[in-house]
Amino acid sequence: MTNEQLKAFICVVEQGSFRAAAEHLYKTQPSISAAVKSLETHFNLTFFDRSNYRPELTDEGRAFYTQAKKLLQQAIELEMYGHQLASADVP
């Protein structure tokens, strides 16, 4: 599981489609689809019901989304903290 896969998954949820997520992240739609599919394969889960025009979250997808958002936010905060430490005048 990578941050890029999580970002792709979260963006599909928040943008409402794989195409919109691709545009938002400046990536191709196939790369977004592949990232999400790889994440689903990694956990042997299906996060989206793709039978309709718009992908809809499954129960597992909803649960995973909640935790993925938390984890990605923590990663962003940790990166900011690392930069703060690096810029501090510590001998």
PDB file of N, CA and C in Angstrom:
ATOM      1  N   MET A   1       0.848  -1.170   0.000  1.00  0.00           N
ATOM      2  CA  MET A   1       0.000   0.000   0.000  1.00  0.00           C
ATOM      3  C   MET A   1       0.899   1.240   0.000  1.00  0.00           C
ATOM      4  N   THR A   2       0.595   2.171  -0.892  1.00  0.00           N
ATOM      5  CA  THR A   2       1.396   3.393  -0.982  1.00  0.00           C
ATOM      6  C   THR A   2       0.527   4.624  -0.751  1.00  0.00           C
ATOM      7  N   ASN A   3       1.192   5.723  -0.463  1.00  0.00           N
ATOM      8  CA  ASN A   3       0.465   6.987  -0.327  1.00  0.00           C
ATOM      9  C   ASN A   3      -0.242   7.350  -1.630  1.00  0.00           C
ATOM     10  N   GLU A   4       0.396   7.064  -2.755  1.00  0.00           N
ATOM     11  CA  GLU A   4      -0.208   7.383  -4.056  1.00  0.00           C
ATOM     12  C   GLU A   4      -1.491   6.586  -4.274  1.00  0.00           C
ATOM     13  N   GLN A   5      -1.495   5.331  -3.872  1.00  0.00           N
ATOM     14  CA  GLN A   5      -2.712   4.528  -3.989  1.00  0.00           C
ATOM     15  C   GLN A   5      -3.815   5.095  -3.096  1.00  0.00           C
ATOM     16  N   LEU A   6      -3.441   5.471  -1.885  1.00  0.00           N
ATOM     17  CA  LEU A   6      -4.421   6.047  -0.970  1.00  0.00           C
ATOM     18  C   LEU A   6      -4.964   7.369  -1.507  1.00  0.00           C
ATOM     19  N   LYS A   7      -4.075   8.208  -2.033  1.00  0.00           N
ATOM     20  CA  LYS A   7      -4.518   9.481  -2.604  1.00  0.00           C
ATOM     21  C   LYS A   7      -5.488   9.254  -3.754  1.00  0.00           C
ATOM     22  N   ALA A   8      -5.187   8.290  -4.606  1.00  0.00           N
ATOM     23  CA  ALA A   8      -6.064   7.991  -5.743  1.00  0.00           C
ATOM     24  C   ALA A   8      -7.424   7.527  -5.244  1.00  0.00           C
ATOM     25  N   PHE A   9      -7.434   6.601  -4.296  1.00  0.00           N
ATOM     26  CA  PHE A   9      -8.680   6.078  -3.743  1.00  0.00           C
ATOM     27  C   PHE A   9      -9.516   7.206  -3.118  1.00  0.00           C
ATOM     28  N   ILE A  10      -8.895   7.997  -2.273  1.00  0.00           N
ATOM     29  CA  ILE A  10      -9.603   9.093  -1.596  1.00  0.00           C
ATOM     30  C   ILE A  10     -10.140  10.086  -2.612  1.00  0.00           C
ATOM     31  N   CYS A  11      -9.360  10.385  -3.614  1.00  0.00           N
ATOM     32  CA  CYS A  11      -9.782  11.348  -4.626  1.00  0.00           C
ATOM     33  C   CYS A  11     -10.971  10.830  -5.433  1.00  0.00           C
ATOM     34  N   VAL A  12     -10.997   9.544  -5.758  1.00  0.00           N
ATOM     35  CA  VAL A  12     -12.153   8.981  -6.462  1.00  0.00           C
ATOM     36  C   VAL A  12     -13.405   9.146  -5.605  1.00  0.00           C
ATOM     37  N   VAL A  13     -13.274   8.848  -4.325  1.00  0.00           N
ATOM     38  CA  VAL A  13     -14.416   9.001  -3.417  1.00  0.00           C
ATOM     39  C   VAL A  13     -14.885  10.450  -3.405  1.00  0.00           C
ATOM     40  N   GLU A  14     -13.964  11.371  -3.226  1.00  0.00           N
ATOM     41  CA  GLU A  14     -14.324  12.773  -3.051  1.00  0.00           C
ATOM     42  C   GLU A  14     -14.725  13.469  -4.348  1.00  0.00           C
ATOM     43  N   GLN A  15     -14.179  13.034  -5.465  1.00  0.00           N
ATOM     44  CA  GLN A  15     -14.511  13.649  -6.750  1.00  0.00           C
ATOM     45  C   GLN A  15     -15.699  12.967  -7.427  1.00  0.00           C
ATOM     46  N   GLY A  16     -16.004  11.740  -7.008  1.00  0.00           N
ATOM     47  CA  GLY A  16     -17.179  11.055  -7.516  1.00  0.00           C
ATOM     48  C   GLY A  16     -16.981  10.191  -8.738  1.00  0.00           C
ATOM     49  N   SER A  17     -15.789  10.224  -9.325  1.00  0.00           N
ATOM     50  CA  SER A  17     -15.524   9.369 -10.485  1.00  0.00           C
ATOM     51  C   SER A  17     -14.018   9.220 -10.673  1.00  0.00           C
ATOM     52  N   PHE A  18     -13.662   8.185 -11.421  1.00  0.00           N
ATOM     53  CA  PHE A  18     -12.251   7.955 -11.716  1.00  0.00           C
ATOM     54  C   PHE A  18     -11.725   9.042 -12.648  1.00  0.00           C
ATOM     55  N   ARG A  19     -12.540   9.471 -13.588  1.00  0.00           N
ATOM     56  CA  ARG A  19     -12.130  10.516 -14.529  1.00  0.00           C
ATOM     57  C   ARG A  19     -11.885  11.835 -13.805  1.00  0.00           C
ATOM     58  N   ALA A  20     -12.821  12.216 -12.934  1.00  0.00           N
ATOM     59  CA  ALA A  20     -12.671  13.470 -12.185  1.00  0.00           C
ATOM     60  C   ALA A  20     -11.455  13.417 -11.257  1.00  0.00           C
ATOM     61  N   ALA A  21     -11.224  12.255 -10.659  1.00  0.00           N
ATOM     62  CA  ALA A  21     -10.047  12.101  -9.788  1.00  0.00           C
ATOM     63  C   ALA A  21      -8.766  12.259 -10.598  1.00  0.00           C
ATOM     64  N   ALA A  22      -8.751  11.679 -11.789  1.00  0.00           N
ATOM     65  CA  ALA A  22      -7.572  11.786 -12.653  1.00  0.00           C
ATOM     66  C   ALA A  22      -7.300  13.246 -13.007  1.00  0.00           C
ATOM     67  N   GLU A  23      -8.334  13.973 -13.361  1.00  0.00           N
ATOM     68  CA  GLU A  23      -8.165  15.389 -13.688  1.00  0.00           C
ATOM     69  C   GLU A  23      -7.670  16.168 -12.472  1.00  0.00           C
ATOM     70  N   HIS A  24      -8.236  15.890 -11.325  1.00  0.00           N
ATOM     71  CA  HIS A  24      -7.870  16.597 -10.092  1.00  0.00           C
ATOM     72  C   HIS A  24      -6.409  16.340  -9.709  1.00  0.00           C
ATOM     73  N   LEU A  25      -5.947  15.119  -9.936  1.00  0.00           N
ATOM     74  CA  LEU A  25      -4.578  14.745  -9.562  1.00  0.00           C
ATOM     75  C   LEU A  25      -3.581  14.897 -10.713  1.00  0.00           C
ATOM     76  N   TYR A  26      -4.064  15.381 -11.868  1.00  0.00           N
ATOM     77  CA  TYR A  26      -3.210  15.550 -13.053  1.00  0.00           C
ATOM     78  C   TYR A  26      -2.564  14.223 -13.464  1.00  0.00           C
ATOM     79  N   LYS A  27      -3.370  13.184 -13.470  1.00  0.00           N
ATOM     80  CA  LYS A  27      -2.921  11.858 -13.876  1.00  0.00           C
ATOM     81  C   LYS A  27      -3.899  11.325 -14.914  1.00  0.00           C
ATOM     82  N   THR A  28      -3.569  10.201 -15.497  1.00  0.00           N
ATOM     83  CA  THR A  28      -4.486   9.598 -16.458  1.00  0.00           C
ATOM     84  C   THR A  28      -5.520   8.760 -15.712  1.00  0.00           C
ATOM     85  N   GLN A  29      -6.673   8.598 -16.330  1.00  0.00           N
ATOM     86  CA  GLN A  29      -7.720   7.778 -15.721  1.00  0.00           C
ATOM     87  C   GLN A  29      -7.254   6.331 -15.549  1.00  0.00           C
ATOM     88  N   PRO A  30      -6.560   5.745 -16.547  1.00  0.00           N
ATOM     89  CA  PRO A  30      -6.075   4.379 -16.330  1.00  0.00           C
ATOM     90  C   PRO A  30      -5.106   4.247 -15.146  1.00  0.00           C
ATOM     91  N   SER A  31      -4.304   5.269 -14.886  1.00  0.00           N
ATOM     92  CA  SER A  31      -3.370   5.183 -13.758  1.00  0.00           C
ATOM     93  C   SER A  31      -4.119   5.242 -12.426  1.00  0.00           C
ATOM     94  N   ILE A  32      -5.182   6.022 -12.368  1.00  0.00           N
ATOM     95  CA  ILE A  32      -6.005   6.092 -11.156  1.00  0.00           C
ATOM     96  C   ILE A  32      -6.719   4.762 -10.951  1.00  0.00           C
ATOM     97  N   SER A  33      -7.290   4.229 -12.017  1.00  0.00           N
ATOM     98  CA  SER A  33      -7.972   2.935 -11.938  1.00  0.00           C
ATOM     99  C   SER A  33      -7.022   1.837 -11.484  1.00  0.00           C
ATOM    100  N   ALA A  34      -5.819   1.841 -12.030  1.00  0.00           N
ATOM    101  CA  ALA A  34      -4.828   0.830 -11.673  1.00  0.00           C
ATOM    102  C   ALA A  34      -4.404   0.953 -10.209  1.00  0.00           C
ATOM    103  N   ALA A  35      -4.243   2.175  -9.731  1.00  0.00           N
ATOM    104  CA  ALA A  35      -3.847   2.389  -8.335  1.00  0.00           C
ATOM    105  C   ALA A  35      -4.915   1.863  -7.382  1.00  0.00           C
ATOM    106  N   VAL A  36      -6.177   2.174  -7.686  1.00  0.00           N
ATOM    107  CA  VAL A  36      -7.271   1.718  -6.828  1.00  0.00           C
ATOM    108  C   VAL A  36      -7.407   0.199  -6.918  1.00  0.00           C
ATOM    109  N   LYS A  37      -7.312  -0.355  -8.108  1.00  0.00           N
ATOM    110  CA  LYS A  37      -7.422  -1.804  -8.286  1.00  0.00           C
ATOM    111  C   LYS A  37      -6.296  -2.514  -7.542  1.00  0.00           C
ATOM    112  N   SER A  38      -5.099  -1.953  -7.590  1.00  0.00           N
ATOM    113  CA  SER A  38      -3.967  -2.542  -6.880  1.00  0.00           C
ATOM    114  C   SER A  38      -4.210  -2.551  -5.371  1.00  0.00           C
ATOM    115  N   LEU A  39      -4.793  -1.481  -4.870  1.00  0.00           N
ATOM    116  CA  LEU A  39      -5.126  -1.386  -3.448  1.00  0.00           C
ATOM    117  C   LEU A  39      -6.180  -2.430  -3.082  1.00  0.00           C
ATOM    118  N   GLU A  40      -7.188  -2.570  -3.920  1.00  0.00           N
ATOM    119  CA  GLU A  40      -8.230  -3.576  -3.677  1.00  0.00           C
ATOM    120  C   GLU A  40      -7.630  -4.984  -3.698  1.00  0.00           C
ATOM    121  N   THR A  41      -6.747  -5.229  -4.646  1.00  0.00           N
ATOM    122  CA  THR A  41      -6.113  -6.544  -4.764  1.00  0.00           C
ATOM    123  C   THR A  41      -5.238  -6.835  -3.550  1.00  0.00           C
ATOM    124  N   HIS A  42      -4.529  -5.819  -3.097  1.00  0.00           N
ATOM    125  CA  HIS A  42      -3.645  -5.970  -1.935  1.00  0.00           C
ATOM    126  C   HIS A  42      -4.413  -6.498  -0.723  1.00  0.00           C
ATOM    127  N   PHE A  43      -5.635  -6.010  -0.531  1.00  0.00           N
ATOM    128  CA  PHE A  43      -6.439  -6.411   0.621  1.00  0.00           C
ATOM    129  C   PHE A  43      -7.512  -7.453   0.278  1.00  0.00           C
ATOM    130  N   ASN A  44      -7.580  -7.826  -0.998  1.00  0.00           N
ATOM    131  CA  ASN A  44      -8.598  -8.761  -1.450  1.00  0.00           C
ATOM    132  C   ASN A  44     -10.005  -8.259  -1.087  1.00  0.00           C
ATOM    133  N   LEU A  45     -10.231  -6.971  -1.341  1.00  0.00           N
ATOM    134  CA  LEU A  45     -11.514  -6.323  -1.073  1.00  0.00           C
ATOM    135  C   LEU A  45     -11.967  -5.581  -2.325  1.00  0.00           C
ATOM    136  N   THR A  46     -13.235  -5.260  -2.372  1.00  0.00           N
ATOM    137  CA  THR A  46     -13.779  -4.410  -3.423  1.00  0.00           C
ATOM    138  C   THR A  46     -14.285  -3.144  -2.759  1.00  0.00           C
ATOM    139  N   PHE A  47     -13.675  -2.012  -3.093  1.00  0.00           N
ATOM    140  CA  PHE A  47     -14.050  -0.745  -2.472  1.00  0.00           C
ATOM    141  C   PHE A  47     -15.184  -0.038  -3.197  1.00  0.00           C
ATOM    142  N   PHE A  48     -15.333  -0.324  -4.491  1.00  0.00           N
ATOM    143  CA  PHE A  48     -16.356   0.346  -5.286  1.00  0.00           C
ATOM    144  C   PHE A  48     -17.240  -0.661  -6.008  1.00  0.00           C
ATOM    145  N   ASP A  49     -18.523  -0.352  -6.044  1.00  0.00           N
ATOM    146  CA  ASP A  49     -19.445  -1.052  -6.937  1.00  0.00           C
ATOM    147  C   ASP A  49     -19.372  -0.280  -8.242  1.00  0.00           C
ATOM    148  N   ARG A  50     -18.859  -0.914  -9.265  1.00  0.00           N
ATOM    149  CA  ARG A  50     -18.642  -0.247 -10.545  1.00  0.00           C
ATOM    150  C   ARG A  50     -19.739  -0.563 -11.568  1.00  0.00           C
ATOM    151  N   SER A  51     -20.856  -1.122 -11.106  1.00  0.00           N
ATOM    152  CA  SER A  51     -21.907  -1.526 -12.042  1.00  0.00           C
ATOM    153  C   SER A  51     -22.765  -0.359 -12.529  1.00  0.00           C
ATOM    154  N   ASN A  52     -22.696   0.765 -11.852  1.00  0.00           N
ATOM    155  CA  ASN A  52     -23.450   1.950 -12.259  1.00  0.00           C
ATOM    156  C   ASN A  52     -22.547   2.934 -12.983  1.00  0.00           C
ATOM    157  N   TYR A  53     -23.141   4.015 -13.464  1.00  0.00           N
ATOM    158  CA  TYR A  53     -22.370   5.042 -14.164  1.00  0.00           C
ATOM    159  C   TYR A  53     -21.296   5.615 -13.243  1.00  0.00           C
ATOM    160  N   ARG A  54     -21.670   5.942 -12.030  1.00  0.00           N
ATOM    161  CA  ARG A  54     -20.721   6.462 -11.042  1.00  0.00           C
ATOM    162  C   ARG A  54     -20.334   5.344 -10.083  1.00  0.00           C
ATOM    163  N   PRO A  55     -19.064   5.251  -9.714  1.00  0.00           N
ATOM    164  CA  PRO A  55     -18.670   4.225  -8.741  1.00  0.00           C
ATOM    165  C   PRO A  55     -19.281   4.540  -7.377  1.00  0.00           C
ATOM    166  N   GLU A  56     -19.788   3.526  -6.723  1.00  0.00           N
ATOM    167  CA  GLU A  56     -20.377   3.697  -5.392  1.00  0.00           C
ATOM    168  C   GLU A  56     -19.576   2.881  -4.392  1.00  0.00           C
ATOM    169  N   LEU A  57     -19.317   3.478  -3.241  1.00  0.00           N
ATOM    170  CA  LEU A  57     -18.552   2.774  -2.214  1.00  0.00           C
ATOM    171  C   LEU A  57     -19.325   1.571  -1.692  1.00  0.00           C
ATOM    172  N   THR A  58     -18.596   0.485  -1.491  1.00  0.00           N
ATOM    173  CA  THR A  58     -19.148  -0.665  -0.793  1.00  0.00           C
ATOM    174  C   THR A  58     -19.037  -0.385   0.707  1.00  0.00           C
ATOM    175  N   ASP A  59     -19.583  -1.265   1.526  1.00  0.00           N
ATOM    176  CA  ASP A  59     -19.429  -1.104   2.975  1.00  0.00           C
ATOM    177  C   ASP A  59     -17.960  -1.113   3.365  1.00  0.00           C
ATOM    178  N   GLU A  60     -17.192  -2.024   2.741  1.00  0.00           N
ATOM    179  CA  GLU A  60     -15.754  -2.081   3.024  1.00  0.00           C
ATOM    180  C   GLU A  60     -15.062  -0.804   2.560  1.00  0.00           C
ATOM    181  N   GLY A  61     -15.489  -0.288   1.418  1.00  0.00           N
ATOM    182  CA  GLY A  61     -14.921   0.948   0.898  1.00  0.00           C
ATOM    183  C   GLY A  61     -15.161   2.128   1.822  1.00  0.00           C
ATOM    184  N   ARG A  62     -16.374   2.210   2.373  1.00  0.00           N
ATOM    185  CA  ARG A  62     -16.686   3.299   3.314  1.00  0.00           C
ATOM    186  C   ARG A  62     -15.813   3.212   4.564  1.00  0.00           C
ATOM    187  N   ALA A  63     -15.683   2.009   5.096  1.00  0.00           N
ATOM    188  CA  ALA A  63     -14.858   1.823   6.298  1.00  0.00           C
ATOM    189  C   ALA A  63     -13.394   2.143   6.003  1.00  0.00           C
ATOM    190  N   PHE A  64     -12.906   1.686   4.856  1.00  0.00           N
ATOM    191  CA  PHE A  64     -11.514   1.929   4.482  1.00  0.00           C
ATOM    192  C   PHE A  64     -11.264   3.412   4.248  1.00  0.00           C
ATOM    193  N   TYR A  65     -12.216   4.093   3.622  1.00  0.00           N
ATOM    194  CA  TYR A  65     -12.084   5.526   3.339  1.00  0.00           C
ATOM    195  C   TYR A  65     -11.857   6.312   4.632  1.00  0.00           C
ATOM    196  N   THR A  66     -12.641   6.007   5.653  1.00  0.00           N
ATOM    197  CA  THR A  66     -12.516   6.720   6.927  1.00  0.00           C
ATOM    198  C   THR A  66     -11.103   6.605   7.483  1.00  0.00           C
ATOM    199  N   GLN A  67     -10.565   5.398   7.470  1.00  0.00           N
ATOM    200  CA  GLN A  67      -9.226   5.187   8.004  1.00  0.00           C
ATOM    201  C   GLN A  67      -8.145   5.741   7.082  1.00  0.00           C
ATOM    202  N   ALA A  68      -8.362   5.629   5.783  1.00  0.00           N
ATOM    203  CA  ALA A  68      -7.382   6.139   4.814  1.00  0.00           C
ATOM    204  C   ALA A  68      -7.234   7.648   4.949  1.00  0.00           C
ATOM    205  N   LYS A  69      -8.356   8.351   5.151  1.00  0.00           N
ATOM    206  CA  LYS A  69      -8.296   9.811   5.334  1.00  0.00           C
ATOM    207  C   LYS A  69      -7.459  10.163   6.557  1.00  0.00           C
ATOM    208  N   LYS A  70      -7.674   9.446   7.644  1.00  0.00           N
ATOM    209  CA  LYS A  70      -6.913   9.696   8.872  1.00  0.00           C
ATOM    210  C   LYS A  70      -5.416   9.455   8.648  1.00  0.00           C
ATOM    211  N   LEU A  71      -5.104   8.330   8.006  1.00  0.00           N
ATOM    212  CA  LEU A  71      -3.704   7.981   7.779  1.00  0.00           C
ATOM    213  C   LEU A  71      -3.008   8.990   6.878  1.00  0.00           C
ATOM    214  N   LEU A  72      -3.664   9.391   5.812  1.00  0.00           N
ATOM    215  CA  LEU A  72      -3.061  10.348   4.894  1.00  0.00           C
ATOM    216  C   LEU A  72      -2.861  11.702   5.579  1.00  0.00           C
ATOM    217  N   GLN A  73      -3.804  12.114   6.407  1.00  0.00           N
ATOM    218  CA  GLN A  73      -3.648  13.372   7.144  1.00  0.00           C
ATOM    219  C   GLN A  73      -2.464  13.282   8.099  1.00  0.00           C
ATOM    220  N   GLN A  74      -2.313  12.145   8.748  1.00  0.00           N
ATOM    221  CA  GLN A  74      -1.173  11.957   9.650  1.00  0.00           C
ATOM    222  C   GLN A  74       0.143  11.995   8.884  1.00  0.00           C
ATOM    223  N   ALA A  75       0.169  11.421   7.699  1.00  0.00           N
ATOM    224  CA  ALA A  75       1.384  11.440   6.879  1.00  0.00           C
ATOM    225  C   ALA A  75       1.740  12.870   6.483  1.00  0.00           C
ATOM    226  N   ILE A  76       0.738  13.665   6.136  1.00  0.00           N
ATOM    227  CA  ILE A  76       0.964  15.066   5.780  1.00  0.00           C
ATOM    228  C   ILE A  76       1.516  15.827   6.984  1.00  0.00           C
ATOM    229  N   GLU A  77       0.929  15.595   8.153  1.00  0.00           N
ATOM    230  CA  GLU A  77       1.390  16.267   9.373  1.00  0.00           C
ATOM    231  C   GLU A  77       2.807  15.847   9.733  1.00  0.00           C
ATOM    232  N   LEU A  78       3.127  14.575   9.552  1.00  0.00           N
ATOM    233  CA  LEU A  78       4.478  14.096   9.844  1.00  0.00           C
ATOM    234  C   LEU A  78       5.497  14.724   8.902  1.00  0.00           C
ATOM    235  N   GLU A  79       5.138  14.857   7.640  1.00  0.00           N
ATOM    236  CA  GLU A  79       6.057  15.495   6.694  1.00  0.00           C
ATOM    237  C   GLU A  79       6.298  16.950   7.083  1.00  0.00           C
ATOM    238  N   MET A  80       5.242  17.654   7.451  1.00  0.00           N
ATOM    239  CA  MET A  80       5.396  19.053   7.880  1.00  0.00           C
ATOM    240  C   MET A  80       6.273  19.132   9.122  1.00  0.00           C
ATOM    241  N   TYR A  81       6.070  18.217  10.066  1.00  0.00           N
ATOM    242  CA  TYR A  81       6.862  18.188  11.285  1.00  0.00           C
ATOM    243  C   TYR A  81       8.337  17.933  10.967  1.00  0.00           C
ATOM    244  N   GLY A  82       8.597  17.025  10.053  1.00  0.00           N
ATOM    245  CA  GLY A  82       9.980  16.751   9.649  1.00  0.00           C
ATOM    246  C   GLY A  82      10.648  17.981   9.067  1.00  0.00           C
ATOM    247  N   HIS A  83       9.911  18.738   8.251  1.00  0.00           N
ATOM    248  CA  HIS A  83      10.464  19.972   7.686  1.00  0.00           C
ATOM    249  C   HIS A  83      10.714  21.007   8.772  1.00  0.00           C
ATOM    250  N   GLN A  84       9.821  21.074   9.766  1.00  0.00           N
ATOM    251  CA  GLN A  84      10.018  22.006  10.871  1.00  0.00           C
ATOM    252  C   GLN A  84      11.276  21.642  11.663  1.00  0.00           C
ATOM    253  N   LEU A  85      11.453  20.358  11.908  1.00  0.00           N
ATOM    254  CA  LEU A  85      12.655  19.918  12.624  1.00  0.00           C
ATOM    255  C   LEU A  85      13.912  20.244  11.836  1.00  0.00           C
ATOM    256  N   ALA A  86      13.861  20.025  10.547  1.00  0.00           N
ATOM    257  CA  ALA A  86      15.032  20.277   9.696  1.00  0.00           C
ATOM    258  C   ALA A  86      15.380  21.746   9.634  1.00  0.00           C
ATOM    259  N   SER A  87      14.394  22.617   9.749  1.00  0.00           N
ATOM    260  CA  SER A  87      14.663  24.054   9.650  1.00  0.00           C
ATOM    261  C   SER A  87      14.998  24.677  11.014  1.00  0.00           C
ATOM    262  N   ALA A  88      14.854  23.920  12.083  1.00  0.00           N
ATOM    263  CA  ALA A  88      15.169  24.431  13.410  1.00  0.00           C
ATOM    264  C   ALA A  88      16.685  24.490  13.595  1.00  0.00           C
ATOM    265  N   ASP A  89      17.124  25.413  14.410  1.00  0.00           N
ATOM    266  CA  ASP A  89      18.556  25.540  14.683  1.00  0.00           C
ATOM    267  C   ASP A  89      18.940  24.567  15.796  1.00  0.00           C
ATOM    268  N   VAL A  90      19.087  23.307  15.414  1.00  0.00           N
ATOM    269  CA  VAL A  90      19.465  22.277  16.381  1.00  0.00           C
ATOM    270  C   VAL A  90      20.889  21.864  16.051  1.00  0.00           C
ATOM    271  N   PRO A  91      21.798  21.985  17.032  1.00  0.00           N
ATOM    272  CA  PRO A  91      23.201  21.623  16.777  1.00  0.00           C
ATOM    273  C   PRO A  91      23.391  20.151  16.569  1.00  0.00           C
TER     274      PRO A  91
END
